[in-house]
Amino acid sequence: MSLEPESRAQRKLIAAARTSAGHLRPALPRALFVTDPVRTPDPFTVARRLPAGFGVVYRHFGAPGRVEVARDLAGICARGGLVLLVAADPALAAAVGADGVHWPFRLAQQARRWRGRFALQTVSAHSGRELRAAGDLPVEAALLSTVFASGSASAGRPLGALRFRQMVRGAGLPVYALGGITAETAALIAPVAGFAAVDGMAPFAGRRD
């Protein structure tokens, strides 16, 4: 019997994550599920089905109920062996016992204030300049976007795999690719970096085999 499409995609993502782990420090998650209040209205289902060693970046953008959502995600992550990062909200991260904070680049300097308060801090980057700046911050990794064409309203012009690889080689810290990551494109990224995805983790919302 052939695998269902969701199961094949899950297996491809897991295989890519195993490959990407060789380019990440041991404490870093192998791949990141990045939430979005609109695009991933049910982050819990995906989080429950992620393999141990993956991570979740909870982005609430000020949404009502964010404390409850963060608390529930923290419980799911703790039980599933996942890393939880809360985006741009260190107070909430501390309140729910998250592993750390993910900073948008515009807030990146705040990482200095929270040095040593969390196990992990990451930062977003959208250019070579921002990626180089991230290397001087007390963060463990950067999420570089937009790598492939993406349906996100905030997506910029895609870098493409070749340009992404060039930028990763010059980075002073581990890098995750973000933007247009799917089960197929993750395999292109895994030989040089980790990967993070919003819609790309949708296969984990389906039934697992």
N, C-alpha and C. Protein backbone atom coordinates (compact mmCIF):
# COMPACT_ATOMS: atom_id res chain seq x y z
N MET A 1 0.85 -1.20 0.00
CA MET A 1 0.00 0.00 0.00
C MET A 1 0.89 1.24 0.00
N SER A 2 0.57 2.22 -0.84
CA SER A 2 1.37 3.44 -0.90
C SER A 2 1.04 4.34 0.28
N LEU A 3 2.00 5.14 0.66
CA LEU A 3 1.79 6.07 1.76
C LEU A 3 0.85 7.17 1.35
N GLU A 4 0.09 7.69 2.30
CA GLU A 4 -0.73 8.86 2.03
C GLU A 4 0.19 10.04 1.78
N PRO A 5 -0.26 11.07 1.00
CA PRO A 5 0.60 12.23 0.73
C PRO A 5 1.14 12.88 1.99
N GLU A 6 0.30 12.99 3.03
CA GLU A 6 0.76 13.62 4.26
C GLU A 6 1.91 12.83 4.89
N SER A 7 1.80 11.51 4.86
CA SER A 7 2.83 10.69 5.46
C SER A 7 4.14 10.78 4.68
N ARG A 8 4.07 10.80 3.37
CA ARG A 8 5.29 10.95 2.58
C ARG A 8 5.96 12.29 2.88
N ALA A 9 5.17 13.34 2.96
CA ALA A 9 5.72 14.66 3.24
C ALA A 9 6.34 14.70 4.64
N GLN A 10 5.69 14.09 5.60
CA GLN A 10 6.25 14.04 6.95
C GLN A 10 7.61 13.36 6.93
N ARG A 11 7.70 12.26 6.23
CA ARG A 11 8.95 11.51 6.20
C ARG A 11 10.06 12.31 5.53
N LYS A 12 9.72 13.06 4.50
CA LYS A 12 10.71 13.89 3.83
C LYS A 12 11.19 15.00 4.75
N LEU A 13 10.27 15.62 5.49
CA LEU A 13 10.65 16.68 6.43
C LEU A 13 11.54 16.13 7.54
N ILE A 14 11.18 14.97 8.06
CA ILE A 14 11.97 14.36 9.13
C ILE A 14 13.37 14.00 8.62
N ALA A 15 13.44 13.46 7.42
CA ALA A 15 14.74 13.11 6.84
C ALA A 15 15.60 14.35 6.63
N ALA A 16 14.99 15.42 6.14
CA ALA A 16 15.73 16.66 5.94
C ALA A 16 16.22 17.22 7.27
N ALA A 17 15.38 17.13 8.30
CA ALA A 17 15.77 17.63 9.61
C ALA A 17 16.95 16.85 10.18
N ARG A 18 16.97 15.56 9.94
CA ARG A 18 18.11 14.76 10.41
C ARG A 18 19.40 15.20 9.73
N THR A 19 19.31 15.50 8.44
CA THR A 19 20.48 15.97 7.72
C THR A 19 20.92 17.34 8.22
N SER A 20 19.95 18.23 8.42
CA SER A 20 20.29 19.59 8.83
C SER A 20 20.90 19.64 10.22
N ALA A 21 20.62 18.63 11.05
CA ALA A 21 21.14 18.63 12.42
C ALA A 21 22.66 18.70 12.45
N GLY A 22 23.31 18.22 11.40
CA GLY A 22 24.76 18.25 11.35
C GLY A 22 25.34 19.65 11.23
N HIS A 23 24.49 20.63 10.92
CA HIS A 23 24.95 22.01 10.77
C HIS A 23 24.46 22.90 11.92
N LEU A 24 23.89 22.28 12.95
CA LEU A 24 23.34 23.02 14.07
C LEU A 24 24.02 22.57 15.36
N ARG A 25 24.10 23.46 16.31
CA ARG A 25 24.67 23.09 17.60
C ARG A 25 23.73 22.12 18.32
N PRO A 26 24.26 21.25 19.19
CA PRO A 26 23.44 20.21 19.80
C PRO A 26 22.18 20.72 20.51
N ALA A 27 22.24 21.89 21.12
CA ALA A 27 21.09 22.40 21.87
C ALA A 27 20.00 22.95 20.97
N LEU A 28 20.28 23.14 19.69
CA LEU A 28 19.30 23.74 18.79
C LEU A 28 18.34 22.69 18.23
N PRO A 29 17.07 23.06 18.06
CA PRO A 29 16.12 22.14 17.43
C PRO A 29 16.51 21.87 15.98
N ARG A 30 16.17 20.68 15.50
CA ARG A 30 16.55 20.29 14.14
C ARG A 30 15.75 21.04 13.08
N ALA A 31 14.54 21.44 13.42
CA ALA A 31 13.67 22.19 12.51
C ALA A 31 12.68 22.96 13.37
N LEU A 32 12.12 24.04 12.81
CA LEU A 32 11.23 24.91 13.58
C LEU A 32 9.87 25.06 12.90
N PHE A 33 8.82 24.88 13.67
CA PHE A 33 7.47 25.20 13.23
C PHE A 33 7.16 26.61 13.71
N VAL A 34 6.93 27.53 12.78
CA VAL A 34 6.67 28.93 13.11
C VAL A 34 5.17 29.16 13.01
N THR A 35 4.55 29.57 14.10
CA THR A 35 3.10 29.74 14.11
C THR A 35 2.70 31.11 13.57
N ASP A 36 1.44 31.22 13.20
CA ASP A 36 0.87 32.46 12.72
C ASP A 36 -0.62 32.44 13.06
N PRO A 37 -1.15 33.50 13.70
CA PRO A 37 -2.56 33.47 14.12
C PRO A 37 -3.54 33.23 12.98
N VAL A 38 -3.20 33.68 11.77
CA VAL A 38 -4.10 33.52 10.63
C VAL A 38 -3.80 32.24 9.86
N ARG A 39 -2.54 32.02 9.54
CA ARG A 39 -2.17 30.89 8.68
C ARG A 39 -2.13 29.55 9.41
N THR A 40 -1.90 29.59 10.72
CA THR A 40 -1.92 28.34 11.50
C THR A 40 -2.82 28.54 12.72
N PRO A 41 -4.15 28.62 12.50
CA PRO A 41 -5.07 28.90 13.60
C PRO A 41 -5.10 27.80 14.66
N ASP A 42 -4.66 26.58 14.30
CA ASP A 42 -4.61 25.48 15.26
C ASP A 42 -3.18 24.97 15.36
N PRO A 43 -2.33 25.68 16.10
CA PRO A 43 -0.94 25.23 16.21
C PRO A 43 -0.78 23.99 17.07
N PHE A 44 -1.78 23.68 17.87
CA PHE A 44 -1.66 22.57 18.82
C PHE A 44 -1.57 21.23 18.11
N THR A 45 -2.40 21.04 17.08
CA THR A 45 -2.38 19.77 16.37
C THR A 45 -1.02 19.50 15.74
N VAL A 46 -0.47 20.51 15.09
CA VAL A 46 0.86 20.35 14.49
C VAL A 46 1.89 20.08 15.57
N ALA A 47 1.88 20.87 16.63
CA ALA A 47 2.88 20.72 17.69
C ALA A 47 2.84 19.33 18.31
N ARG A 48 1.65 18.79 18.52
CA ARG A 48 1.53 17.46 19.12
C ARG A 48 2.14 16.37 18.25
N ARG A 49 2.19 16.60 16.95
CA ARG A 49 2.65 15.57 16.02
C ARG A 49 4.07 15.78 15.54
N LEU A 50 4.70 16.82 15.99
CA LEU A 50 6.09 17.03 15.60
C LEU A 50 7.00 16.01 16.29
N PRO A 51 8.03 15.55 15.63
CA PRO A 51 8.97 14.63 16.27
C PRO A 51 9.76 15.32 17.38
N ALA A 52 10.16 14.56 18.37
CA ALA A 52 11.04 15.09 19.40
C ALA A 52 12.29 15.65 18.75
N GLY A 53 12.77 16.76 19.27
CA GLY A 53 13.94 17.41 18.72
C GLY A 53 13.63 18.56 17.79
N PHE A 54 12.36 18.69 17.38
CA PHE A 54 11.91 19.84 16.62
C PHE A 54 11.63 20.98 17.59
N GLY A 55 11.25 22.14 17.06
CA GLY A 55 10.93 23.28 17.92
C GLY A 55 9.73 24.04 17.38
N VAL A 56 9.16 24.87 18.25
CA VAL A 56 8.01 25.71 17.91
C VAL A 56 8.37 27.15 18.22
N VAL A 57 8.12 28.04 17.26
CA VAL A 57 8.25 29.49 17.50
C VAL A 57 6.84 30.04 17.55
N TYR A 58 6.41 30.43 18.74
CA TYR A 58 5.05 30.95 18.91
C TYR A 58 5.04 32.45 18.68
N ARG A 59 4.36 32.88 17.62
CA ARG A 59 4.20 34.30 17.30
C ARG A 59 2.74 34.67 17.53
N HIS A 60 2.50 35.56 18.49
CA HIS A 60 1.10 35.87 18.79
C HIS A 60 0.64 37.21 18.23
N PHE A 61 1.57 38.12 17.94
CA PHE A 61 1.22 39.43 17.38
C PHE A 61 0.14 40.14 18.20
N GLY A 62 0.15 39.93 19.51
CA GLY A 62 -0.81 40.58 20.38
C GLY A 62 -2.20 39.97 20.39
N ALA A 63 -2.35 38.78 19.87
CA ALA A 63 -3.67 38.15 19.78
C ALA A 63 -4.28 37.89 21.16
N PRO A 64 -5.59 38.05 21.30
CA PRO A 64 -6.24 37.70 22.56
C PRO A 64 -6.01 36.22 22.88
N GLY A 65 -5.92 35.93 24.15
CA GLY A 65 -5.73 34.54 24.54
C GLY A 65 -4.31 34.04 24.40
N ARG A 66 -3.37 34.94 24.15
CA ARG A 66 -1.99 34.51 23.91
C ARG A 66 -1.36 33.82 25.12
N VAL A 67 -1.75 34.24 26.32
CA VAL A 67 -1.18 33.61 27.51
C VAL A 67 -1.62 32.15 27.58
N GLU A 68 -2.89 31.90 27.35
CA GLU A 68 -3.41 30.54 27.39
C GLU A 68 -2.79 29.68 26.28
N VAL A 69 -2.68 30.26 25.08
CA VAL A 69 -2.08 29.52 23.97
C VAL A 69 -0.63 29.18 24.28
N ALA A 70 0.11 30.14 24.77
CA ALA A 70 1.51 29.91 25.10
C ALA A 70 1.65 28.85 26.19
N ARG A 71 0.78 28.91 27.17
CA ARG A 71 0.84 27.92 28.25
C ARG A 71 0.56 26.51 27.73
N ASP A 72 -0.45 26.40 26.85
CA ASP A 72 -0.79 25.09 26.30
C ASP A 72 0.34 24.57 25.40
N LEU A 73 0.93 25.46 24.61
CA LEU A 73 2.05 25.04 23.78
C LEU A 73 3.24 24.61 24.62
N ALA A 74 3.47 25.30 25.72
CA ALA A 74 4.57 24.93 26.60
C ALA A 74 4.38 23.51 27.14
N GLY A 75 3.14 23.18 27.50
CA GLY A 75 2.86 21.83 27.98
C GLY A 75 3.07 20.78 26.91
N ILE A 76 2.58 21.07 25.71
CA ILE A 76 2.74 20.14 24.59
C ILE A 76 4.22 19.93 24.29
N CYS A 77 4.97 21.02 24.26
CA CYS A 77 6.40 20.92 23.94
C CYS A 77 7.16 20.14 25.02
N ALA A 78 6.84 20.38 26.26
CA ALA A 78 7.51 19.68 27.35
C ALA A 78 7.25 18.17 27.26
N ARG A 79 6.02 17.81 26.98
CA ARG A 79 5.67 16.39 26.88
C ARG A 79 6.25 15.74 25.63
N GLY A 80 6.40 16.52 24.56
CA GLY A 80 6.85 15.94 23.30
C GLY A 80 8.33 16.06 23.01
N GLY A 81 9.08 16.63 23.95
CA GLY A 81 10.51 16.78 23.72
C GLY A 81 10.84 17.83 22.68
N LEU A 82 10.03 18.89 22.66
CA LEU A 82 10.20 19.98 21.70
C LEU A 82 10.74 21.22 22.40
N VAL A 83 11.40 22.07 21.64
CA VAL A 83 11.85 23.37 22.13
C VAL A 83 10.76 24.40 21.84
N LEU A 84 10.50 25.28 22.79
CA LEU A 84 9.52 26.35 22.58
C LEU A 84 10.20 27.71 22.70
N LEU A 85 10.05 28.51 21.65
CA LEU A 85 10.49 29.90 21.65
C LEU A 85 9.27 30.79 21.49
N VAL A 86 9.19 31.85 22.26
CA VAL A 86 8.12 32.83 22.12
C VAL A 86 8.69 34.04 21.41
N ALA A 87 8.03 34.47 20.36
CA ALA A 87 8.55 35.58 19.56
C ALA A 87 8.25 36.92 20.22
N ALA A 88 9.30 37.74 20.36
CA ALA A 88 9.19 39.15 20.75
C ALA A 88 8.49 39.39 22.08
N ASP A 89 8.50 38.41 22.96
CA ASP A 89 7.78 38.56 24.23
C ASP A 89 8.50 37.79 25.33
N PRO A 90 9.61 38.31 25.84
CA PRO A 90 10.35 37.59 26.86
C PRO A 90 9.58 37.40 28.16
N ALA A 91 8.72 38.35 28.49
CA ALA A 91 7.94 38.21 29.72
C ALA A 91 7.02 37.00 29.63
N LEU A 92 6.36 36.85 28.49
CA LEU A 92 5.48 35.69 28.31
C LEU A 92 6.29 34.40 28.26
N ALA A 93 7.44 34.45 27.60
CA ALA A 93 8.30 33.26 27.54
C ALA A 93 8.70 32.81 28.95
N ALA A 94 9.07 33.77 29.80
CA ALA A 94 9.45 33.44 31.17
C ALA A 94 8.26 32.92 31.96
N ALA A 95 7.09 33.52 31.74
CA ALA A 95 5.90 33.15 32.51
C ALA A 95 5.47 31.71 32.25
N VAL A 96 5.65 31.23 31.01
CA VAL A 96 5.19 29.87 30.69
C VAL A 96 6.32 28.86 30.70
N GLY A 97 7.53 29.31 31.04
CA GLY A 97 8.66 28.40 31.09
C GLY A 97 9.17 27.97 29.74
N ALA A 98 9.06 28.85 28.74
CA ALA A 98 9.58 28.54 27.41
C ALA A 98 11.10 28.44 27.45
N ASP A 99 11.65 27.80 26.43
CA ASP A 99 13.11 27.64 26.36
C ASP A 99 13.81 28.92 25.97
N GLY A 100 13.08 29.82 25.30
CA GLY A 100 13.73 31.05 24.89
C GLY A 100 12.84 31.98 24.11
N VAL A 101 13.50 32.92 23.43
CA VAL A 101 12.81 33.99 22.71
C VAL A 101 13.35 34.07 21.29
N HIS A 102 12.44 34.29 20.36
CA HIS A 102 12.83 34.62 18.99
C HIS A 102 12.58 36.10 18.77
N TRP A 103 13.61 36.81 18.27
CA TRP A 103 13.50 38.25 18.10
C TRP A 103 13.38 38.62 16.63
N PRO A 104 12.38 39.41 16.25
CA PRO A 104 12.42 40.03 14.92
C PRO A 104 13.61 40.97 14.89
N PHE A 105 14.19 41.19 13.72
CA PHE A 105 15.43 41.95 13.66
C PHE A 105 15.29 43.35 14.25
N ARG A 106 14.12 43.97 14.10
CA ARG A 106 13.93 45.32 14.61
C ARG A 106 14.07 45.38 16.13
N LEU A 107 13.93 44.25 16.80
CA LEU A 107 14.07 44.19 18.26
C LEU A 107 15.32 43.43 18.68
N ALA A 108 16.20 43.15 17.73
CA ALA A 108 17.31 42.25 17.98
C ALA A 108 18.22 42.69 19.12
N GLN A 109 18.39 44.00 19.31
CA GLN A 109 19.28 44.46 20.37
C GLN A 109 18.78 44.09 21.76
N GLN A 110 17.49 43.80 21.88
CA GLN A 110 16.97 43.41 23.19
C GLN A 110 17.53 42.08 23.65
N ALA A 111 18.07 41.31 22.71
CA ALA A 111 18.67 40.04 23.10
C ALA A 111 19.80 40.24 24.11
N ARG A 112 20.45 41.40 24.05
CA ARG A 112 21.53 41.67 25.01
C ARG A 112 20.99 41.79 26.43
N ARG A 113 19.82 42.37 26.57
CA ARG A 113 19.22 42.54 27.90
C ARG A 113 18.85 41.20 28.53
N TRP A 114 18.55 40.21 27.68
CA TRP A 114 18.06 38.92 28.17
C TRP A 114 19.12 37.83 28.08
N ARG A 115 20.35 38.24 27.86
CA ARG A 115 21.45 37.26 27.82
C ARG A 115 21.48 36.46 29.13
N GLY A 116 21.55 35.17 29.01
CA GLY A 116 21.65 34.31 30.18
C GLY A 116 20.34 34.01 30.86
N ARG A 117 19.25 34.66 30.44
CA ARG A 117 17.95 34.42 31.07
C ARG A 117 17.22 33.22 30.47
N PHE A 118 17.61 32.85 29.26
CA PHE A 118 16.97 31.74 28.57
C PHE A 118 18.02 30.81 28.01
N ALA A 119 17.62 29.57 27.74
CA ALA A 119 18.54 28.61 27.14
C ALA A 119 18.87 28.98 25.71
N LEU A 120 17.89 29.58 25.00
CA LEU A 120 18.09 29.90 23.59
C LEU A 120 17.50 31.26 23.24
N GLN A 121 18.18 31.96 22.36
CA GLN A 121 17.63 33.14 21.72
C GLN A 121 17.96 33.05 20.23
N THR A 122 16.99 33.40 19.40
CA THR A 122 17.21 33.43 17.96
C THR A 122 16.75 34.78 17.43
N VAL A 123 17.15 35.09 16.19
CA VAL A 123 16.80 36.37 15.61
C VAL A 123 16.49 36.18 14.13
N SER A 124 15.61 37.00 13.59
CA SER A 124 15.32 36.95 12.17
C SER A 124 16.32 37.82 11.42
N ALA A 125 16.54 37.49 10.15
CA ALA A 125 17.41 38.28 9.27
C ALA A 125 16.86 38.19 7.86
N HIS A 126 17.01 39.30 7.11
CA HIS A 126 16.45 39.34 5.76
C HIS A 126 17.47 39.79 4.72
N SER A 127 18.71 39.91 5.13
CA SER A 127 19.76 40.37 4.21
C SER A 127 21.11 39.94 4.76
N GLY A 128 22.13 40.08 3.93
CA GLY A 128 23.47 39.78 4.40
C GLY A 128 23.89 40.68 5.54
N ARG A 129 23.51 41.95 5.46
CA ARG A 129 23.85 42.89 6.52
C ARG A 129 23.25 42.47 7.84
N GLU A 130 21.97 42.10 7.83
CA GLU A 130 21.31 41.69 9.07
C GLU A 130 21.89 40.37 9.58
N LEU A 131 22.23 39.48 8.67
CA LEU A 131 22.80 38.20 9.10
C LEU A 131 24.16 38.41 9.76
N ARG A 132 24.96 39.30 9.20
CA ARG A 132 26.26 39.60 9.82
C ARG A 132 26.07 40.25 11.19
N ALA A 133 25.09 41.13 11.31
CA ALA A 133 24.81 41.78 12.59
C ALA A 133 24.36 40.75 13.62
N ALA A 134 23.61 39.76 13.17
CA ALA A 134 23.15 38.71 14.09
C ALA A 134 24.31 37.96 14.71
N GLY A 135 25.40 37.83 13.95
CA GLY A 135 26.57 37.12 14.47
C GLY A 135 27.24 37.82 15.63
N ASP A 136 26.93 39.10 15.84
CA ASP A 136 27.50 39.85 16.95
C ASP A 136 26.57 39.93 18.15
N LEU A 137 25.44 39.28 18.05
CA LEU A 137 24.46 39.32 19.13
C LEU A 137 24.54 38.05 19.99
N PRO A 138 24.06 38.11 21.24
CA PRO A 138 24.05 36.92 22.08
C PRO A 138 22.88 36.01 21.74
N VAL A 139 22.85 35.54 20.50
CA VAL A 139 21.81 34.62 20.04
C VAL A 139 22.48 33.35 19.53
N GLU A 140 21.69 32.27 19.53
CA GLU A 140 22.24 30.97 19.13
C GLU A 140 22.07 30.67 17.65
N ALA A 141 21.12 31.34 16.99
CA ALA A 141 20.87 31.08 15.58
C ALA A 141 20.07 32.21 14.96
N ALA A 142 20.08 32.26 13.63
CA ALA A 142 19.29 33.24 12.89
C ALA A 142 18.35 32.51 11.94
N LEU A 143 17.17 33.10 11.72
CA LEU A 143 16.23 32.61 10.73
C LEU A 143 16.30 33.57 9.54
N LEU A 144 16.84 33.09 8.43
CA LEU A 144 17.07 33.93 7.26
C LEU A 144 15.95 33.72 6.24
N SER A 145 15.33 34.81 5.82
CA SER A 145 14.24 34.74 4.84
C SER A 145 14.37 35.91 3.85
N THR A 146 13.69 35.85 2.73
CA THR A 146 12.81 34.78 2.27
C THR A 146 13.62 33.92 1.31
N VAL A 147 13.66 32.61 1.52
CA VAL A 147 14.54 31.75 0.74
C VAL A 147 13.90 31.32 -0.57
N PHE A 148 12.66 30.83 -0.51
CA PHE A 148 11.94 30.44 -1.71
C PHE A 148 10.64 31.25 -1.79
N ALA A 149 10.02 31.25 -2.94
CA ALA A 149 8.77 32.00 -3.12
C ALA A 149 7.76 31.56 -2.08
N SER A 150 7.11 32.55 -1.47
CA SER A 150 6.20 32.30 -0.36
C SER A 150 4.92 33.09 -0.54
N GLY A 151 3.83 32.52 -0.03
CA GLY A 151 2.55 33.20 -0.08
C GLY A 151 2.34 34.18 1.06
N SER A 152 3.31 34.32 1.94
CA SER A 152 3.19 35.23 3.07
C SER A 152 3.13 36.67 2.58
N ALA A 153 2.25 37.46 3.21
CA ALA A 153 2.12 38.87 2.83
C ALA A 153 3.39 39.66 3.11
N SER A 154 4.21 39.19 4.04
CA SER A 154 5.44 39.90 4.40
C SER A 154 6.67 39.38 3.67
N ALA A 155 6.48 38.39 2.80
CA ALA A 155 7.62 37.78 2.13
C ALA A 155 8.28 38.75 1.17
N GLY A 156 9.59 38.76 1.17
CA GLY A 156 10.34 39.58 0.23
C GLY A 156 10.72 38.77 -1.00
N ARG A 157 11.55 39.34 -1.84
CA ARG A 157 12.01 38.64 -3.02
C ARG A 157 12.84 37.43 -2.60
N PRO A 158 12.53 36.25 -3.13
CA PRO A 158 13.24 35.06 -2.67
C PRO A 158 14.73 35.08 -3.00
N LEU A 159 15.53 34.58 -2.08
CA LEU A 159 16.97 34.51 -2.27
C LEU A 159 17.35 33.41 -3.26
N GLY A 160 16.63 32.30 -3.18
CA GLY A 160 16.99 31.12 -3.95
C GLY A 160 18.04 30.30 -3.22
N ALA A 161 18.14 29.04 -3.58
CA ALA A 161 19.03 28.12 -2.87
C ALA A 161 20.50 28.52 -2.99
N LEU A 162 20.94 28.95 -4.17
CA LEU A 162 22.35 29.28 -4.37
C LEU A 162 22.77 30.47 -3.52
N ARG A 163 22.01 31.56 -3.57
CA ARG A 163 22.33 32.74 -2.78
C ARG A 163 22.25 32.43 -1.30
N PHE A 164 21.26 31.65 -0.89
CA PHE A 164 21.14 31.26 0.52
C PHE A 164 22.40 30.52 0.96
N ARG A 165 22.85 29.56 0.18
CA ARG A 165 24.04 28.81 0.55
C ARG A 165 25.25 29.73 0.70
N GLN A 166 25.39 30.69 -0.19
CA GLN A 166 26.50 31.63 -0.11
C GLN A 166 26.44 32.45 1.18
N MET A 167 25.24 32.89 1.55
CA MET A 167 25.09 33.69 2.76
C MET A 167 25.35 32.87 4.01
N VAL A 168 24.94 31.62 4.01
CA VAL A 168 25.16 30.75 5.17
C VAL A 168 26.65 30.53 5.39
N ARG A 169 27.40 30.35 4.30
CA ARG A 169 28.84 30.11 4.44
C ARG A 169 29.54 31.29 5.10
N GLY A 170 29.01 32.50 4.91
CA GLY A 170 29.65 33.66 5.51
C GLY A 170 29.08 34.07 6.84
N ALA A 171 28.10 33.32 7.33
CA ALA A 171 27.46 33.67 8.60
C ALA A 171 28.33 33.25 9.78
N GLY A 172 28.22 33.98 10.87
CA GLY A 172 28.99 33.65 12.05
C GLY A 172 28.22 32.86 13.08
N LEU A 173 27.09 32.27 12.67
CA LEU A 173 26.26 31.50 13.57
C LEU A 173 25.40 30.54 12.76
N PRO A 174 24.79 29.54 13.40
CA PRO A 174 23.91 28.62 12.67
C PRO A 174 22.71 29.36 12.09
N VAL A 175 22.22 28.88 10.96
CA VAL A 175 21.14 29.54 10.23
C VAL A 175 20.03 28.55 9.91
N TYR A 176 18.79 29.04 10.03
CA TYR A 176 17.61 28.31 9.56
C TYR A 176 17.04 29.05 8.35
N ALA A 177 16.66 28.31 7.33
CA ALA A 177 15.99 28.88 6.17
C ALA A 177 14.51 29.05 6.47
N LEU A 178 13.95 30.19 6.09
CA LEU A 178 12.53 30.46 6.28
C LEU A 178 11.98 31.07 5.00
N GLY A 179 10.78 30.65 4.63
CA GLY A 179 10.13 31.20 3.44
C GLY A 179 10.06 30.18 2.32
N GLY A 180 8.85 29.71 2.03
CA GLY A 180 8.68 28.74 0.95
C GLY A 180 9.23 27.36 1.24
N ILE A 181 9.41 27.04 2.52
CA ILE A 181 9.94 25.72 2.88
C ILE A 181 8.82 24.69 2.82
N THR A 182 9.05 23.63 2.06
CA THR A 182 8.13 22.50 1.94
C THR A 182 8.93 21.22 2.12
N ALA A 183 8.25 20.09 2.02
CA ALA A 183 8.97 18.82 2.10
C ALA A 183 10.00 18.69 0.99
N GLU A 184 9.74 19.33 -0.15
CA GLU A 184 10.68 19.26 -1.26
C GLU A 184 11.84 20.25 -1.08
N THR A 185 11.53 21.50 -0.77
CA THR A 185 12.60 22.49 -0.68
C THR A 185 13.46 22.30 0.58
N ALA A 186 12.90 21.69 1.62
CA ALA A 186 13.69 21.43 2.83
C ALA A 186 14.90 20.56 2.50
N ALA A 187 14.73 19.64 1.56
CA ALA A 187 15.83 18.76 1.18
C ALA A 187 16.97 19.54 0.51
N LEU A 188 16.64 20.66 -0.14
CA LEU A 188 17.67 21.49 -0.77
C LEU A 188 18.46 22.27 0.26
N ILE A 189 17.85 22.56 1.40
CA ILE A 189 18.45 23.37 2.45
C ILE A 189 19.24 22.53 3.44
N ALA A 190 18.75 21.33 3.72
CA ALA A 190 19.31 20.51 4.80
C ALA A 190 20.81 20.26 4.71
N PRO A 191 21.41 20.17 3.50
CA PRO A 191 22.86 19.94 3.48
C PRO A 191 23.71 21.09 4.00
N VAL A 192 23.10 22.28 4.22
CA VAL A 192 23.90 23.42 4.66
C VAL A 192 23.35 24.14 5.89
N ALA A 193 22.08 23.91 6.23
CA ALA A 193 21.47 24.68 7.31
C ALA A 193 20.22 23.98 7.82
N GLY A 194 19.65 24.55 8.88
CA GLY A 194 18.37 24.08 9.36
C GLY A 194 17.24 24.74 8.56
N PHE A 195 16.01 24.39 8.88
CA PHE A 195 14.89 25.02 8.19
C PHE A 195 13.75 25.29 9.17
N ALA A 196 12.99 26.34 8.84
CA ALA A 196 11.83 26.74 9.63
C ALA A 196 10.67 26.95 8.67
N ALA A 197 9.47 26.66 9.11
CA ALA A 197 8.33 26.75 8.19
C ALA A 197 7.05 27.07 8.92
N VAL A 198 6.17 27.76 8.22
CA VAL A 198 4.81 28.02 8.71
C VAL A 198 3.89 27.00 8.04
N ASP A 199 3.47 27.27 6.82
CA ASP A 199 2.61 26.34 6.08
C ASP A 199 3.33 25.03 5.78
N GLY A 200 4.64 25.07 5.69
CA GLY A 200 5.39 23.87 5.33
C GLY A 200 5.30 22.75 6.34
N MET A 201 4.88 23.05 7.56
CA MET A 201 4.70 22.00 8.56
C MET A 201 3.28 21.43 8.54
N ALA A 202 2.45 21.86 7.60
CA ALA A 202 1.07 21.38 7.51
C ALA A 202 0.96 19.86 7.42
N PRO A 203 1.91 19.15 6.82
CA PRO A 203 1.78 17.69 6.80
C PRO A 203 1.60 17.07 8.19
N PHE A 204 2.12 17.74 9.22
CA PHE A 204 1.98 17.21 10.57
C PHE A 204 0.59 17.46 11.16
N ALA A 205 -0.22 18.21 10.45
CA ALA A 205 -1.59 18.41 10.91
C ALA A 205 -2.49 17.26 10.49
N GLY A 206 -2.01 16.42 9.55
CA GLY A 206 -2.78 15.28 9.09
C GLY A 206 -2.49 14.05 9.92
N ARG A 207 -3.08 12.96 9.53
CA ARG A 207 -2.89 11.71 10.26
C ARG A 207 -1.51 11.16 10.00
N ARG A 208 -0.86 10.68 11.04
CA ARG A 208 0.44 10.07 10.89
C ARG A 208 0.28 8.56 10.68
N ASP A 209 1.25 7.96 9.95
CA ASP A 209 1.15 6.51 9.73
C ASP A 209 1.77 5.76 10.89
